[in-house]
Amino acid sequence: MFDLHELYQEIVMDHNRHPRNFRELHGDVSSAEGFNPLCGDEVKIYIRLQDEQISDISFQGSGCAISKASASMLTDTLNGMTIKEAMETFKSFRNMLIRPSENRINNDLPGDLDVLSGVSQYPARVKCAVLAWHTLDSALHGKKDGVTTE
């Protein structure tokens, strides 16, 4: 029988152990830093834009498996999207994590993002999963203050 929990763990651990786009971007990039004091997660998101489209995106940082996997999935999924598409994906992702399943607006997320839906059962871990996404929002909108989950 297919075990969704096992699949979730496998995908999260793969993104944690082999993060996609785990590197610093140089040159003409926007960036922002985020910190989750509860768990100690730290992330820096780098974005290169070309004509309102994400032409390259990466991250660096350290933290728990959920935080690192979420950042990896973010960069893997959003590369090539327009800013508008990226922000819509962010809103859908956040919605998936903070709303009870019966009140979710959109469960059809691109890439591996749906596997993080189980995090919604653990409110303290939601902050780990959304840290990179709030940091992305800051980088896209040129906010200079660091992002914190508190």
Protein backbone atom coordinates (compact mmCIF):
# COMPACT_ATOMS: atom_id res chain seq x y z
CA MET A 1 0.00 0.00 0.00
CA PHE A 2 1.18 3.53 -0.80
CA ASP A 3 2.33 5.40 2.31
CA LEU A 4 1.97 9.18 1.88
CA HIS A 5 3.81 9.86 5.14
CA GLU A 6 6.80 7.84 3.92
CA LEU A 7 6.80 9.72 0.61
CA TYR A 8 6.67 13.04 2.49
CA GLN A 9 9.66 12.07 4.61
CA GLU A 10 11.59 10.84 1.58
CA ILE A 11 11.07 14.04 -0.42
CA VAL A 12 11.78 16.35 2.54
CA MET A 13 14.94 14.46 3.46
CA ASP A 14 16.13 14.46 -0.16
CA HIS A 15 15.72 18.25 -0.38
CA ASN A 16 17.42 18.61 3.01
CA ARG A 17 20.41 16.40 2.15
CA HIS A 18 20.72 17.54 -1.48
CA PRO A 19 19.30 21.07 -1.57
CA ARG A 20 18.63 22.49 -5.00
CA ASN A 21 20.16 25.87 -5.84
CA PHE A 22 22.19 26.02 -2.60
CA ARG A 23 24.66 28.70 -3.61
CA GLU A 24 25.30 32.42 -3.50
CA LEU A 25 24.39 34.48 -6.56
CA HIS A 26 26.69 37.33 -7.54
CA GLY A 27 26.16 40.37 -9.69
CA ASP A 28 22.87 42.18 -10.16
CA VAL A 29 20.67 40.35 -7.66
CA SER A 30 18.13 41.13 -4.98
CA SER A 31 18.54 39.36 -1.67
CA ALA A 32 17.08 39.18 1.80
CA GLU A 33 17.87 37.36 5.03
CA GLY A 34 15.48 35.55 7.33
CA PHE A 35 15.72 34.12 10.82
CA ASN A 36 13.51 31.85 12.91
CA PRO A 37 14.59 32.32 16.54
CA LEU A 38 12.37 29.47 17.75
CA CYS A 39 14.23 26.84 15.73
CA GLY A 40 17.45 28.68 14.84
CA ASP A 41 16.79 28.55 11.08
CA GLU A 42 18.69 31.10 8.99
CA VAL A 43 18.22 31.65 5.27
CA LYS A 44 19.34 34.09 2.63
CA ILE A 45 17.45 34.19 -0.66
CA TYR A 46 19.10 35.52 -3.84
CA ILE A 47 17.03 36.46 -6.90
CA ARG A 48 18.05 37.60 -10.35
CA LEU A 49 15.20 39.21 -12.28
CA GLN A 50 14.92 39.83 -15.98
CA ASP A 51 11.82 41.60 -17.31
CA GLU A 52 9.66 40.80 -14.25
CA GLN A 53 10.69 37.14 -14.40
CA ILE A 54 12.90 35.15 -12.04
CA SER A 55 15.85 34.19 -14.24
CA ASP A 56 17.84 32.65 -11.37
CA ILE A 57 17.16 32.02 -7.70
CA SER A 58 19.20 30.42 -4.96
CA PHE A 59 19.61 30.26 -1.21
CA GLN A 60 22.13 29.71 1.54
CA GLY A 61 21.61 29.05 5.18
CA SER A 62 21.21 26.48 7.88
CA GLY A 63 18.42 25.08 9.94
CA CYS A 64 16.10 22.18 10.44
CA ALA A 65 15.18 19.75 7.67
CA ILE A 66 11.80 21.39 7.04
CA SER A 67 13.29 24.86 6.69
CA LYS A 68 16.06 23.75 4.35
CA ALA A 69 13.75 21.51 2.30
CA SER A 70 11.20 24.31 1.95
CA ALA A 71 13.87 26.73 0.70
CA SER A 72 15.13 24.11 -1.74
CA MET A 73 11.61 23.46 -3.04
CA LEU A 74 11.00 27.21 -3.30
CA THR A 75 14.03 27.76 -5.53
CA ASP A 76 13.36 24.64 -7.58
CA THR A 77 9.72 25.60 -8.17
CA LEU A 78 9.92 29.36 -8.73
CA ASN A 79 12.86 29.55 -11.12
CA GLY A 80 11.47 30.90 -14.41
CA MET A 81 8.22 32.21 -12.95
CA THR A 82 7.10 35.81 -13.19
CA ILE A 83 7.01 37.84 -9.98
CA LYS A 84 3.21 37.64 -10.08
CA GLU A 85 3.24 33.83 -10.44
CA ALA A 86 5.80 33.53 -7.63
CA MET A 87 3.66 35.66 -5.28
CA GLU A 88 0.54 33.66 -6.15
CA THR A 89 2.44 30.44 -5.38
CA PHE A 90 3.62 31.95 -2.07
CA LYS A 91 0.03 32.83 -1.11
CA SER A 92 -1.22 29.35 -2.02
CA PHE A 93 1.64 27.70 -0.11
CA ARG A 94 1.01 29.81 2.99
CA ASN A 95 -2.72 29.14 2.70
CA MET A 96 -2.07 25.39 2.59
CA LEU A 97 -0.13 25.61 5.86
CA ILE A 98 -2.33 27.93 7.91
CA ARG A 99 -5.88 26.93 6.95
CA PRO A 100 -7.65 23.75 7.99
CA SER A 101 -7.96 21.39 5.04
CA GLU A 102 -11.68 22.05 4.58
CA ASN A 103 -11.03 25.80 4.19
CA ARG A 104 -8.13 25.63 1.75
CA ILE A 105 -8.51 27.65 -1.40
CA ASN A 106 -5.91 25.91 -3.58
CA ASN A 107 -4.22 22.57 -3.02
CA ASP A 108 -2.77 22.30 -6.52
CA LEU A 109 0.74 23.60 -5.93
CA PRO A 110 3.56 23.08 -8.43
CA GLY A 111 6.54 20.82 -7.82
CA ASP A 112 6.95 19.02 -4.51
CA LEU A 113 5.30 21.75 -2.43
CA ASP A 114 2.16 19.73 -1.61
CA VAL A 115 4.21 17.26 0.42
CA LEU A 116 4.73 19.95 3.06
CA SER A 117 0.97 20.10 3.78
CA GLY A 118 1.49 17.81 6.79
CA VAL A 119 3.45 20.58 8.50
CA SER A 120 0.12 22.36 9.13
CA GLN A 121 -0.53 19.86 11.94
CA TYR A 122 2.46 21.27 13.87
CA PRO A 123 2.08 25.05 14.33
CA ALA A 124 5.66 25.55 15.53
CA ARG A 125 6.97 23.88 12.36
CA VAL A 126 4.86 26.11 10.08
CA LYS A 127 7.31 28.91 10.86
CA CYS A 128 10.15 26.70 9.65
CA ALA A 129 8.35 25.99 6.37
CA VAL A 130 7.37 29.60 5.59
CA LEU A 131 10.62 31.35 6.57
CA ALA A 132 12.19 31.13 3.10
CA TRP A 133 8.91 32.27 1.52
CA HIS A 134 8.66 35.41 3.66
CA THR A 135 12.32 36.05 2.90
CA LEU A 136 11.55 35.70 -0.81
CA ASP A 137 8.78 38.29 -0.43
CA SER A 138 11.27 40.71 1.15
CA ALA A 139 13.83 40.15 -1.61
CA LEU A 140 11.25 40.70 -4.35
CA HIS A 141 9.98 43.90 -2.76
CA GLY A 142 13.37 45.35 -1.81
CA LYS A 143 12.76 45.34 1.94
CA LYS A 144 16.05 45.95 3.71
CA ASP A 145 15.09 44.78 7.20
CA GLY A 146 15.73 41.13 7.97
CA VAL A 147 12.76 38.79 8.14
CA THR A 148 11.92 37.07 11.40
CA THR A 149 9.18 34.61 12.26
CA GLU A 150 8.62 36.28 15.64
